[in-house]
Amino acid sequence: MDCKFKTELGTVTVNEEVLLKVAGYSALECYGIVGMAAKRSTDGFVQLLGRENLGRGVRIRANDDSLEVDLFIIVEYGISISAVAATIIETVKYKIEHLTGIAVNRVNVTVEDIRV
């Protein structure tokens, strides 16, 4: 699912992989996040993803001219989850809109695990 938008100079197409990486790296910049999470469908265990697999912890859906982003994260123990989630939402929304020019309608954060 590539995202397209038009400018006065022509049409710009942004690959889904680019959007996944921008969202993943933006989330990892935030304080209190240990990493992105992916559930293994067979047994339900949460898996901490390395930087090469950030896209598995992010899901993106396109609606008309905007995006909805779902992030699955692992947070650090002892940190306020609501504060971390608010920071992630703000950062990811700003970075995607600033770097790609595509509007973000909603960012959903799902905390999959807590690590010490």
PDB file of N, CA and C in Angstrom:
ATOM      1  N   MET A   1       0.837  -1.167   0.000  1.00  0.00           N
ATOM      2  CA  MET A   1       0.000   0.000   0.000  1.00  0.00           C
ATOM      3  C   MET A   1       0.886   1.235   0.000  1.00  0.00           C
ATOM      4  N   ASP A   2       1.109   1.798  -1.150  1.00  0.00           N
ATOM      5  CA  ASP A   2       1.865   3.032  -1.267  1.00  0.00           C
ATOM      6  C   ASP A   2       0.918   4.216  -1.092  1.00  0.00           C
ATOM      7  N   CYS A   3       1.414   5.281  -0.490  1.00  0.00           N
ATOM      8  CA  CYS A   3       0.617   6.496  -0.302  1.00  0.00           C
ATOM      9  C   CYS A   3       1.013   7.512  -1.353  1.00  0.00           C
ATOM     10  N   LYS A   4       0.019   8.069  -2.031  1.00  0.00           N
ATOM     11  CA  LYS A   4       0.271   9.057  -3.076  1.00  0.00           C
ATOM     12  C   LYS A   4      -0.393  10.368  -2.710  1.00  0.00           C
ATOM     13  N   PHE A   5       0.285  11.457  -3.035  1.00  0.00           N
ATOM     14  CA  PHE A   5      -0.324  12.771  -2.899  1.00  0.00           C
ATOM     15  C   PHE A   5       0.223  13.667  -3.993  1.00  0.00           C
ATOM     16  N   LYS A   6      -0.564  14.661  -4.339  1.00  0.00           N
ATOM     17  CA  LYS A   6      -0.206  15.535  -5.456  1.00  0.00           C
ATOM     18  C   LYS A   6       0.300  16.871  -4.939  1.00  0.00           C
ATOM     19  N   THR A   7       1.300  17.385  -5.633  1.00  0.00           N
ATOM     20  CA  THR A   7       1.818  18.725  -5.385  1.00  0.00           C
ATOM     21  C   THR A   7       1.698  19.501  -6.686  1.00  0.00           C
ATOM     22  N   GLU A   8       2.095  20.758  -6.664  1.00  0.00           N
ATOM     23  CA  GLU A   8       2.038  21.552  -7.888  1.00  0.00           C
ATOM     24  C   GLU A   8       3.047  21.066  -8.927  1.00  0.00           C
ATOM     25  N   LEU A   9       4.052  20.306  -8.501  1.00  0.00           N
ATOM     26  CA  LEU A   9       5.065  19.799  -9.428  1.00  0.00           C
ATOM     27  C   LEU A   9       4.766  18.399  -9.946  1.00  0.00           C
ATOM     28  N   GLY A  10       3.834  17.688  -9.316  1.00  0.00           N
ATOM     29  CA  GLY A  10       3.507  16.345  -9.765  1.00  0.00           C
ATOM     30  C   GLY A  10       3.042  15.467  -8.616  1.00  0.00           C
ATOM     31  N   THR A  11       3.028  14.167  -8.852  1.00  0.00           N
ATOM     32  CA  THR A  11       2.573  13.193  -7.858  1.00  0.00           C
ATOM     33  C   THR A  11       3.763  12.605  -7.124  1.00  0.00           C
ATOM     34  N   VAL A  12       3.621  12.502  -5.787  1.00  0.00           N
ATOM     35  CA  VAL A  12       4.656  11.903  -4.946  1.00  0.00           C
ATOM     36  C   VAL A  12       4.109  10.591  -4.402  1.00  0.00           C
ATOM     37  N   THR A  13       4.881   9.517  -4.536  1.00  0.00           N
ATOM     38  CA  THR A  13       4.502   8.212  -4.015  1.00  0.00           C
ATOM     39  C   THR A  13       5.478   7.825  -2.918  1.00  0.00           C
ATOM     40  N   VAL A  14       4.936   7.509  -1.745  1.00  0.00           N
ATOM     41  CA  VAL A  14       5.753   7.092  -0.611  1.00  0.00           C
ATOM     42  C   VAL A  14       5.459   5.630  -0.340  1.00  0.00           C
ATOM     43  N   ASN A  15       6.493   4.809  -0.392  1.00  0.00           N
ATOM     44  CA  ASN A  15       6.368   3.382  -0.170  1.00  0.00           C
ATOM     45  C   ASN A  15       5.965   3.093   1.274  1.00  0.00           C
ATOM     46  N   GLU A  16       5.193   2.035   1.476  1.00  0.00           N
ATOM     47  CA  GLU A  16       4.742   1.644   2.818  1.00  0.00           C
ATOM     48  C   GLU A  16       5.920   1.345   3.741  1.00  0.00           C
ATOM     49  N   GLU A  17       6.976   0.736   3.214  1.00  0.00           N
ATOM     50  CA  GLU A  17       8.167   0.412   4.014  1.00  0.00           C
ATOM     51  C   GLU A  17       8.784   1.663   4.611  1.00  0.00           C
ATOM     52  N   VAL A  18       8.784   2.749   3.858  1.00  0.00           N
ATOM     53  CA  VAL A  18       9.322   4.021   4.344  1.00  0.00           C
ATOM     54  C   VAL A  18       8.483   4.528   5.513  1.00  0.00           C
ATOM     55  N   LEU A  19       7.174   4.472   5.374  1.00  0.00           N
ATOM     56  CA  LEU A  19       6.287   4.916   6.449  1.00  0.00           C
ATOM     57  C   LEU A  19       6.465   4.073   7.710  1.00  0.00           C
ATOM     58  N   LEU A  20       6.633   2.764   7.538  1.00  0.00           N
ATOM     59  CA  LEU A  20       6.842   1.872   8.683  1.00  0.00           C
ATOM     60  C   LEU A  20       8.137   2.215   9.411  1.00  0.00           C
ATOM     61  N   LYS A  21       9.183   2.468   8.656  1.00  0.00           N
ATOM     62  CA  LYS A  21      10.474   2.798   9.268  1.00  0.00           C
ATOM     63  C   LYS A  21      10.443   4.157   9.955  1.00  0.00           C
ATOM     64  N   VAL A  22       9.818   5.139   9.340  1.00  0.00           N
ATOM     65  CA  VAL A  22       9.724   6.464   9.960  1.00  0.00           C
ATOM     66  C   VAL A  22       8.968   6.361  11.283  1.00  0.00           C
ATOM     67  N   ALA A  23       7.862   5.643  11.291  1.00  0.00           N
ATOM     68  CA  ALA A  23       7.076   5.484  12.519  1.00  0.00           C
ATOM     69  C   ALA A  23       7.867   4.718  13.575  1.00  0.00           C
ATOM     70  N   GLY A  24       8.545   3.640  13.183  1.00  0.00           N
ATOM     71  CA  GLY A  24       9.310   2.832  14.131  1.00  0.00           C
ATOM     72  C   GLY A  24      10.480   3.578  14.744  1.00  0.00           C
ATOM     73  N   TYR A  25      11.266   4.250  13.917  1.00  0.00           N
ATOM     74  CA  TYR A  25      12.415   5.003  14.437  1.00  0.00           C
ATOM     75  C   TYR A  25      11.968   6.190  15.288  1.00  0.00           C
ATOM     76  N   SER A  26      10.867   6.827  14.908  1.00  0.00           N
ATOM     77  CA  SER A  26      10.349   7.939  15.699  1.00  0.00           C
ATOM     78  C   SER A  26       9.920   7.477  17.083  1.00  0.00           C
ATOM     79  N   ALA A  27       9.289   6.323  17.151  1.00  0.00           N
ATOM     80  CA  ALA A  27       8.856   5.787  18.445  1.00  0.00           C
ATOM     81  C   ALA A  27      10.062   5.424  19.314  1.00  0.00           C
ATOM     82  N   LEU A  28      11.092   4.856  18.700  1.00  0.00           N
ATOM     83  CA  LEU A  28      12.274   4.444  19.468  1.00  0.00           C
ATOM     84  C   LEU A  28      13.042   5.625  20.041  1.00  0.00           C
ATOM     85  N   GLU A  29      12.873   6.821  19.474  1.00  0.00           N
ATOM     86  CA  GLU A  29      13.536   8.013  19.999  1.00  0.00           C
ATOM     87  C   GLU A  29      12.975   8.448  21.348  1.00  0.00           C
ATOM     88  N   CYS A  30      11.768   8.018  21.658  1.00  0.00           N
ATOM     89  CA  CYS A  30      11.080   8.491  22.858  1.00  0.00           C
ATOM     90  C   CYS A  30      11.612   7.804  24.115  1.00  0.00           C
ATOM     91  N   TYR A  31      11.670   8.580  25.194  1.00  0.00           N
ATOM     92  CA  TYR A  31      12.146   8.078  26.478  1.00  0.00           C
ATOM     93  C   TYR A  31      11.139   7.081  27.056  1.00  0.00           C
ATOM     94  N   GLY A  32      11.643   5.996  27.603  1.00  0.00           N
ATOM     95  CA  GLY A  32      10.806   5.018  28.276  1.00  0.00           C
ATOM     96  C   GLY A  32      10.429   3.828  27.434  1.00  0.00           C
ATOM     97  N   ILE A  33      10.743   3.857  26.151  1.00  0.00           N
ATOM     98  CA  ILE A  33      10.419   2.722  25.296  1.00  0.00           C
ATOM     99  C   ILE A  33      11.652   1.839  25.147  1.00  0.00           C
ATOM    100  N   VAL A  34      11.455   0.549  25.367  1.00  0.00           N
ATOM    101  CA  VAL A  34      12.550  -0.418  25.243  1.00  0.00           C
ATOM    102  C   VAL A  34      12.690  -0.847  23.789  1.00  0.00           C
ATOM    103  N   GLY A  35      11.563  -1.035  23.124  1.00  0.00           N
ATOM    104  CA  GLY A  35      11.607  -1.448  21.726  1.00  0.00           C
ATOM    105  C   GLY A  35      10.220  -1.695  21.185  1.00  0.00           C
ATOM    106  N   MET A  36      10.179  -2.124  19.944  1.00  0.00           N
ATOM    107  CA  MET A  36       8.921  -2.458  19.292  1.00  0.00           C
ATOM    108  C   MET A  36       8.639  -3.934  19.545  1.00  0.00           C
ATOM    109  N   ALA A  37       7.375  -4.302  19.521  1.00  0.00           N
ATOM    110  CA  ALA A  37       6.978  -5.674  19.830  1.00  0.00           C
ATOM    111  C   ALA A  37       6.255  -6.300  18.652  1.00  0.00           C
ATOM    112  N   ALA A  38       6.405  -7.606  18.535  1.00  0.00           N
ATOM    113  CA  ALA A  38       5.648  -8.384  17.556  1.00  0.00           C
ATOM    114  C   ALA A  38       5.178  -9.642  18.244  1.00  0.00           C
ATOM    115  N   LYS A  39       3.923  -9.963  18.079  1.00  0.00           N
ATOM    116  CA  LYS A  39       3.403 -11.198  18.645  1.00  0.00           C
ATOM    117  C   LYS A  39       3.607 -12.323  17.655  1.00  0.00           C
ATOM    118  N   ARG A  40       4.087 -13.443  18.157  1.00  0.00           N
ATOM    119  CA  ARG A  40       4.143 -14.628  17.308  1.00  0.00           C
ATOM    120  C   ARG A  40       2.761 -15.244  17.317  1.00  0.00           C
ATOM    121  N   SER A  41       2.211 -15.426  16.154  1.00  0.00           N
ATOM    122  CA  SER A  41       0.815 -15.857  16.056  1.00  0.00           C
ATOM    123  C   SER A  41       0.585 -17.262  16.606  1.00  0.00           C
ATOM    124  N   THR A  42       1.612 -18.096  16.671  1.00  0.00           N
ATOM    125  CA  THR A  42       1.404 -19.478  17.095  1.00  0.00           C
ATOM    126  C   THR A  42       1.209 -19.615  18.597  1.00  0.00           C
ATOM    127  N   ASP A  43       1.992 -18.869  19.395  1.00  0.00           N
ATOM    128  CA  ASP A  43       1.902 -19.065  20.837  1.00  0.00           C
ATOM    129  C   ASP A  43       1.567 -17.810  21.622  1.00  0.00           C
ATOM    130  N   GLY A  44       1.453 -16.655  20.976  1.00  0.00           N
ATOM    131  CA  GLY A  44       1.068 -15.433  21.655  1.00  0.00           C
ATOM    132  C   GLY A  44       2.165 -14.758  22.442  1.00  0.00           C
ATOM    133  N   PHE A  45       3.401 -15.257  22.398  1.00  0.00           N
ATOM    134  CA  PHE A  45       4.498 -14.616  23.112  1.00  0.00           C
ATOM    135  C   PHE A  45       4.891 -13.314  22.416  1.00  0.00           C
ATOM    136  N   VAL A  46       5.256 -12.343  23.225  1.00  0.00           N
ATOM    137  CA  VAL A  46       5.690 -11.063  22.680  1.00  0.00           C
ATOM    138  C   VAL A  46       7.176 -11.137  22.408  1.00  0.00           C
ATOM    139  N   GLN A  47       7.589 -10.663  21.247  1.00  0.00           N
ATOM    140  CA  GLN A  47       8.980 -10.722  20.825  1.00  0.00           C
ATOM    141  C   GLN A  47       9.523  -9.310  20.661  1.00  0.00           C
ATOM    142  N   LEU A  48      10.667  -9.029  21.284  1.00  0.00           N
ATOM    143  CA  LEU A  48      11.339  -7.744  21.131  1.00  0.00           C
ATOM    144  C   LEU A  48      12.033  -7.717  19.778  1.00  0.00           C
ATOM    145  N   LEU A  49      11.738  -6.701  18.992  1.00  0.00           N
ATOM    146  CA  LEU A  49      12.277  -6.616  17.633  1.00  0.00           C
ATOM    147  C   LEU A  49      13.545  -5.786  17.604  1.00  0.00           C
ATOM    148  N   GLY A  50      14.471  -6.190  16.767  1.00  0.00           N
ATOM    149  CA  GLY A  50      15.668  -5.399  16.517  1.00  0.00           C
ATOM    150  C   GLY A  50      15.360  -4.292  15.525  1.00  0.00           C
ATOM    151  N   ARG A  51      16.332  -3.436  15.284  1.00  0.00           N
ATOM    152  CA  ARG A  51      16.123  -2.300  14.384  1.00  0.00           C
ATOM    153  C   ARG A  51      15.832  -2.724  12.944  1.00  0.00           C
ATOM    154  N   GLU A  52      16.272  -3.906  12.548  1.00  0.00           N
ATOM    155  CA  GLU A  52      16.030  -4.343  11.178  1.00  0.00           C
ATOM    156  C   GLU A  52      14.592  -4.815  10.964  1.00  0.00           C
ATOM    157  N   ASN A  53      13.833  -5.092  12.048  1.00  0.00           N
ATOM    158  CA  ASN A  53      12.465  -5.592  11.937  1.00  0.00           C
ATOM    159  C   ASN A  53      11.431  -4.628  12.506  1.00  0.00           C
ATOM    160  N   LEU A  54      11.714  -3.337  12.491  1.00  0.00           N
ATOM    161  CA  LEU A  54      10.806  -2.367  13.099  1.00  0.00           C
ATOM    162  C   LEU A  54       9.411  -2.402  12.479  1.00  0.00           C
ATOM    163  N   GLY A  55       9.327  -2.709  11.221  1.00  0.00           N
ATOM    164  CA  GLY A  55       8.047  -2.709  10.529  1.00  0.00           C
ATOM    165  C   GLY A  55       7.056  -3.708  11.068  1.00  0.00           C
ATOM    166  N   ARG A  56       7.522  -4.756  11.727  1.00  0.00           N
ATOM    167  CA  ARG A  56       6.611  -5.753  12.280  1.00  0.00           C
ATOM    168  C   ARG A  56       5.907  -5.241  13.534  1.00  0.00           C
ATOM    169  N   GLY A  57       6.408  -4.178  14.127  1.00  0.00           N
ATOM    170  CA  GLY A  57       5.770  -3.595  15.305  1.00  0.00           C
ATOM    171  C   GLY A  57       4.907  -2.393  14.969  1.00  0.00           C
ATOM    172  N   VAL A  58       4.708  -2.143  13.681  1.00  0.00           N
ATOM    173  CA  VAL A  58       3.929  -0.991  13.227  1.00  0.00           C
ATOM    174  C   VAL A  58       2.930  -1.466  12.185  1.00  0.00           C
ATOM    175  N   ARG A  59       1.721  -0.955  12.258  1.00  0.00           N
ATOM    176  CA  ARG A  59       0.711  -1.229  11.238  1.00  0.00           C
ATOM    177  C   ARG A  59       0.170   0.108  10.750  1.00  0.00           C
ATOM    178  N   ILE A  60       0.046   0.268   9.441  1.00  0.00           N
ATOM    179  CA  ILE A  60      -0.415   1.530   8.858  1.00  0.00           C
ATOM    180  C   ILE A  60      -1.610   1.256   7.948  1.00  0.00           C
ATOM    181  N   ARG A  61      -2.644   2.090   8.111  1.00  0.00           N
ATOM    182  CA  ARG A  61      -3.833   2.011   7.262  1.00  0.00           C
ATOM    183  C   ARG A  61      -4.072   3.385   6.637  1.00  0.00           C
ATOM    184  N   ALA A  62      -4.337   3.398   5.350  1.00  0.00           N
ATOM    185  CA  ALA A  62      -4.600   4.654   4.652  1.00  0.00           C
ATOM    186  C   ALA A  62      -6.094   4.896   4.571  1.00  0.00           C
ATOM    187  N   ASN A  63      -6.519   6.117   4.925  1.00  0.00           N
ATOM    188  CA  ASN A  63      -7.914   6.548   4.809  1.00  0.00           C
ATOM    189  C   ASN A  63      -7.932   7.822   3.990  1.00  0.00           C
ATOM    190  N   ASP A  64      -8.476   7.761   2.786  1.00  0.00           N
ATOM    191  CA  ASP A  64      -8.559   8.926   1.904  1.00  0.00           C
ATOM    192  C   ASP A  64      -7.204   9.622   1.791  1.00  0.00           C
ATOM    193  N   ASP A  65      -7.049  10.779   2.449  1.00  0.00           N
ATOM    194  CA  ASP A  65      -5.804  11.543   2.369  1.00  0.00           C
ATOM    195  C   ASP A  65      -5.017  11.518   3.669  1.00  0.00           C
ATOM    196  N   SER A  66      -5.314  10.591   4.566  1.00  0.00           N
ATOM    197  CA  SER A  66      -4.609  10.552   5.847  1.00  0.00           C
ATOM    198  C   SER A  66      -4.271   9.114   6.225  1.00  0.00           C
ATOM    199  N   LEU A  67      -3.493   8.980   7.283  1.00  0.00           N
ATOM    200  CA  LEU A  67      -3.049   7.674   7.757  1.00  0.00           C
ATOM    201  C   LEU A  67      -3.526   7.415   9.175  1.00  0.00           C
ATOM    202  N   GLU A  68      -3.675   6.136   9.501  1.00  0.00           N
ATOM    203  CA  GLU A  68      -3.851   5.689  10.873  1.00  0.00           C
ATOM    204  C   GLU A  68      -2.684   4.769  11.167  1.00  0.00           C
ATOM    205  N   VAL A  69      -2.003   5.022  12.283  1.00  0.00           N
ATOM    206  CA  VAL A  69      -0.800   4.270  12.640  1.00  0.00           C
ATOM    207  C   VAL A  69      -1.064   3.522  13.942  1.00  0.00           C
ATOM    208  N   ASP A  70      -0.776   2.216  13.947  1.00  0.00           N
ATOM    209  CA  ASP A  70      -0.840   1.398  15.159  1.00  0.00           C
ATOM    210  C   ASP A  70       0.575   0.997  15.529  1.00  0.00           C
ATOM    211  N   LEU A  71       0.969   1.253  16.786  1.00  0.00           N
ATOM    212  CA  LEU A  71       2.300   0.899  17.278  1.00  0.00           C
ATOM    213  C   LEU A  71       2.164  -0.118  18.402  1.00  0.00           C
ATOM    214  N   PHE A  72       2.985  -1.130  18.368  1.00  0.00           N
ATOM    215  CA  PHE A  72       3.019  -2.155  19.407  1.00  0.00           C
ATOM    216  C   PHE A  72       4.379  -2.062  20.078  1.00  0.00           C
ATOM    217  N   ILE A  73       4.384  -1.646  21.356  1.00  0.00           N
ATOM    218  CA  ILE A  73       5.643  -1.295  22.009  1.00  0.00           C
ATOM    219  C   ILE A  73       5.870  -2.088  23.291  1.00  0.00           C
ATOM    220  N   ILE A  74       7.122  -2.052  23.738  1.00  0.00           N
ATOM    221  CA  ILE A  74       7.532  -2.583  25.037  1.00  0.00           C
ATOM    222  C   ILE A  74       8.112  -1.412  25.807  1.00  0.00           C
ATOM    223  N   VAL A  75       7.584  -1.165  27.013  1.00  0.00           N
ATOM    224  CA  VAL A  75       8.030  -0.025  27.802  1.00  0.00           C
ATOM    225  C   VAL A  75       8.931  -0.471  28.952  1.00  0.00           C
ATOM    226  N   GLU A  76       9.655   0.508  29.470  1.00  0.00           N
ATOM    227  CA  GLU A  76      10.566   0.278  30.585  1.00  0.00           C
ATOM    228  C   GLU A  76       9.768   0.273  31.892  1.00  0.00           C
ATOM    229  N   TYR A  77      10.122  -0.628  32.796  1.00  0.00           N
ATOM    230  CA  TYR A  77       9.447  -0.717  34.090  1.00  0.00           C
ATOM    231  C   TYR A  77       9.706   0.551  34.902  1.00  0.00           C
ATOM    232  N   GLY A  78       8.669   1.049  35.569  1.00  0.00           N
ATOM    233  CA  GLY A  78       8.808   2.204  36.431  1.00  0.00           C
ATOM    234  C   GLY A  78       8.525   3.529  35.764  1.00  0.00           C
ATOM    235  N   ILE A  79       8.223   3.515  34.482  1.00  0.00           N
ATOM    236  CA  ILE A  79       7.938   4.736  33.729  1.00  0.00           C
ATOM    237  C   ILE A  79       6.423   4.844  33.544  1.00  0.00           C
ATOM    238  N   SER A  80       5.905   6.048  33.595  1.00  0.00           N
ATOM    239  CA  SER A  80       4.478   6.282  33.400  1.00  0.00           C
ATOM    240  C   SER A  80       4.073   5.907  31.974  1.00  0.00           C
ATOM    241  N   ILE A  81       3.218   4.926  31.857  1.00  0.00           N
ATOM    242  CA  ILE A  81       2.799   4.455  30.538  1.00  0.00           C
ATOM    243  C   ILE A  81       2.025   5.544  29.798  1.00  0.00           C
ATOM    244  N   SER A  82       1.191   6.278  30.506  1.00  0.00           N
ATOM    245  CA  SER A  82       0.417   7.328  29.832  1.00  0.00           C
ATOM    246  C   SER A  82       1.319   8.443  29.302  1.00  0.00           C
ATOM    247  N   ALA A  83       2.361   8.785  30.053  1.00  0.00           N
ATOM    248  CA  ALA A  83       3.302   9.817  29.591  1.00  0.00           C
ATOM    249  C   ALA A  83       4.091   9.334  28.379  1.00  0.00           C
ATOM    250  N   VAL A  84       4.535   8.079  28.411  1.00  0.00           N
ATOM    251  CA  VAL A  84       5.276   7.515  27.277  1.00  0.00           C
ATOM    252  C   VAL A  84       4.384   7.470  26.046  1.00  0.00           C
ATOM    253  N   ALA A  85       3.142   7.013  26.203  1.00  0.00           N
ATOM    254  CA  ALA A  85       2.221   6.914  25.069  1.00  0.00           C
ATOM    255  C   ALA A  85       1.926   8.289  24.478  1.00  0.00           C
ATOM    256  N   ALA A  86       1.712   9.295  25.330  1.00  0.00           N
ATOM    257  CA  ALA A  86       1.437  10.648  24.828  1.00  0.00           C
ATOM    258  C   ALA A  86       2.627  11.196  24.047  1.00  0.00           C
ATOM    259  N   THR A  87       3.827  10.950  24.539  1.00  0.00           N
ATOM    260  CA  THR A  87       5.031  11.410  23.853  1.00  0.00           C
ATOM    261  C   THR A  87       5.197  10.707  22.509  1.00  0.00           C
ATOM    262  N   ILE A  88       4.960   9.403  22.490  1.00  0.00           N
ATOM    263  CA  ILE A  88       5.085   8.630  21.252  1.00  0.00           C
ATOM    264  C   ILE A  88       4.072   9.110  20.216  1.00  0.00           C
ATOM    265  N   ILE A  89       2.841   9.319  20.636  1.00  0.00           N
ATOM    266  CA  ILE A  89       1.799   9.764  19.711  1.00  0.00           C
ATOM    267  C   ILE A  89       2.185  11.099  19.081  1.00  0.00           C
ATOM    268  N   GLU A  90       2.604  12.027  19.903  1.00  0.00           N
ATOM    269  CA  GLU A  90       2.982  13.350  19.407  1.00  0.00           C
ATOM    270  C   GLU A  90       4.191  13.287  18.471  1.00  0.00           C
ATOM    271  N   THR A  91       5.214  12.529  18.868  1.00  0.00           N
ATOM    272  CA  THR A  91       6.442  12.430  18.074  1.00  0.00           C
ATOM    273  C   THR A  91       6.212  11.749  16.739  1.00  0.00           C
ATOM    274  N   VAL A  92       5.518  10.613  16.744  1.00  0.00           N
ATOM    275  CA  VAL A  92       5.284   9.858  15.509  1.00  0.00           C
ATOM    276  C   VAL A  92       4.428  10.680  14.540  1.00  0.00           C
ATOM    277  N   LYS A  93       3.383  11.306  15.050  1.00  0.00           N
ATOM    278  CA  LYS A  93       2.524  12.137  14.197  1.00  0.00           C
ATOM    279  C   LYS A  93       3.325  13.274  13.561  1.00  0.00           C
ATOM    280  N   TYR A  94       4.118  13.965  14.362  1.00  0.00           N
ATOM    281  CA  TYR A  94       4.911  15.083  13.837  1.00  0.00           C
ATOM    282  C   TYR A  94       5.920  14.606  12.789  1.00  0.00           C
ATOM    283  N   LYS A  95       6.666  13.536  13.104  1.00  0.00           N
ATOM    284  CA  LYS A  95       7.726  13.077  12.189  1.00  0.00           C
ATOM    285  C   LYS A  95       7.164  12.610  10.852  1.00  0.00           C
ATOM    286  N   ILE A  96       6.081  11.840  10.879  1.00  0.00           N
ATOM    287  CA  ILE A  96       5.507  11.363   9.612  1.00  0.00           C
ATOM    288  C   ILE A  96       5.008  12.542   8.782  1.00  0.00           C
ATOM    289  N   GLU A  97       4.293  13.451   9.423  1.00  0.00           N
ATOM    290  CA  GLU A  97       3.773  14.600   8.676  1.00  0.00           C
ATOM    291  C   GLU A  97       4.893  15.492   8.167  1.00  0.00           C
ATOM    292  N   HIS A  98       5.928  15.691   8.978  1.00  0.00           N
ATOM    293  CA  HIS A  98       7.029  16.571   8.596  1.00  0.00           C
ATOM    294  C   HIS A  98       7.914  15.954   7.503  1.00  0.00           C
ATOM    295  N   LEU A  99       8.229  14.667   7.627  1.00  0.00           N
ATOM    296  CA  LEU A  99       9.148  14.027   6.686  1.00  0.00           C
ATOM    297  C   LEU A  99       8.496  13.607   5.374  1.00  0.00           C
ATOM    298  N   THR A 100       7.223  13.192   5.415  1.00  0.00           N
ATOM    299  CA  THR A 100       6.595  12.677   4.199  1.00  0.00           C
ATOM    300  C   THR A 100       5.554  13.610   3.606  1.00  0.00           C
ATOM    301  N   GLY A 101       4.995  14.513   4.401  1.00  0.00           N
ATOM    302  CA  GLY A 101       3.954  15.401   3.906  1.00  0.00           C
ATOM    303  C   GLY A 101       2.573  14.778   3.917  1.00  0.00           C
ATOM    304  N   ILE A 102       2.434  13.587   4.495  1.00  0.00           N
ATOM    305  CA  ILE A 102       1.147  12.893   4.557  1.00  0.00           C
ATOM    306  C   ILE A 102       0.530  13.145   5.929  1.00  0.00           C
ATOM    307  N   ALA A 103      -0.728  13.533   5.961  1.00  0.00           N
ATOM    308  CA  ALA A 103      -1.412  13.819   7.217  1.00  0.00           C
ATOM    309  C   ALA A 103      -1.667  12.528   7.998  1.00  0.00           C
ATOM    310  N   VAL A 104      -1.505  12.608   9.311  1.00  0.00           N
ATOM    311  CA  VAL A 104      -1.778  11.478  10.188  1.00  0.00           C
ATOM    312  C   VAL A 104      -3.039  11.804  10.978  1.00  0.00           C
ATOM    313  N   ASN A 105      -4.047  10.980  10.795  1.00  0.00           N
ATOM    314  CA  ASN A 105      -5.328  11.186  11.452  1.00  0.00           C
ATOM    315  C   ASN A 105      -5.314  10.667  12.892  1.00  0.00           C
ATOM    316  N   ARG A 106      -4.651   9.536  13.108  1.00  0.00           N
ATOM    317  CA  ARG A 106      -4.691   8.884  14.417  1.00  0.00           C
ATOM    318  C   ARG A 106      -3.466   8.020  14.623  1.00  0.00           C
ATOM    319  N   VAL A 107      -2.953   8.006  15.863  1.00  0.00           N
ATOM    320  CA  VAL A 107      -1.863   7.114  16.259  1.00  0.00           C
ATOM    321  C   VAL A 107      -2.337   6.327  17.470  1.00  0.00           C
ATOM    322  N   ASN A 108      -2.395   5.013  17.342  1.00  0.00           N
ATOM    323  CA  ASN A 108      -2.804   4.132  18.437  1.00  0.00           C
ATOM    324  C   ASN A 108      -1.576   3.433  18.989  1.00  0.00           C
ATOM    325  N   VAL A 109      -1.429   3.434  20.309  1.00  0.00           N
ATOM    326  CA  VAL A 109      -0.297   2.787  20.959  1.00  0.00           C
ATOM    327  C   VAL A 109      -0.810   1.629  21.788  1.00  0.00           C
ATOM    328  N   THR A 110      -0.254   0.438  21.550  1.00  0.00           N
ATOM    329  CA  THR A 110      -0.588  -0.745  22.327  1.00  0.00           C
ATOM    330  C   THR A 110       0.668  -1.183  23.066  1.00  0.00           C
ATOM    331  N   VAL A 111       0.586  -1.226  24.396  1.00  0.00           N
ATOM    332  CA  VAL A 111       1.722  -1.667  25.202  1.00  0.00           C
ATOM    333  C   VAL A 111       1.606  -3.183  25.335  1.00  0.00           C
ATOM    334  N   GLU A 112       2.552  -3.896  24.757  1.00  0.00           N
ATOM    335  CA  GLU A 112       2.544  -5.354  24.731  1.00  0.00           C
ATOM    336  C   GLU A 112       3.274  -5.978  25.914  1.00  0.00           C
ATOM    337  N   ASP A 113       4.243  -5.262  26.484  1.00  0.00           N
ATOM    338  CA  ASP A 113       5.048  -5.848  27.557  1.00  0.00           C
ATOM    339  C   ASP A 113       5.769  -4.747  28.316  1.00  0.00           C
ATOM    340  N   ILE A 114       6.262  -5.108  29.494  1.00  0.00           N
ATOM    341  CA  ILE A 114       7.092  -4.214  30.312  1.00  0.00           C
ATOM    342  C   ILE A 114       8.381  -4.958  30.599  1.00  0.00           C
ATOM    343  N   ARG A 115       9.514  -4.288  30.421  1.00  0.00           N
ATOM    344  CA  ARG A 115      10.821  -4.890  30.657  1.00  0.00           C
ATOM    345  C   ARG A 115      11.571  -4.097  31.707  1.00  0.00           C
ATOM    346  N   VAL A 116      12.372  -4.816  32.504  1.00  0.00           N
ATOM    347  CA  VAL A 116      13.187  -4.172  33.531  1.00  0.00           C
ATOM    348  C   VAL A 116      14.463  -3.689  32.908  1.00  0.00           C
TER     349      VAL A 116
END
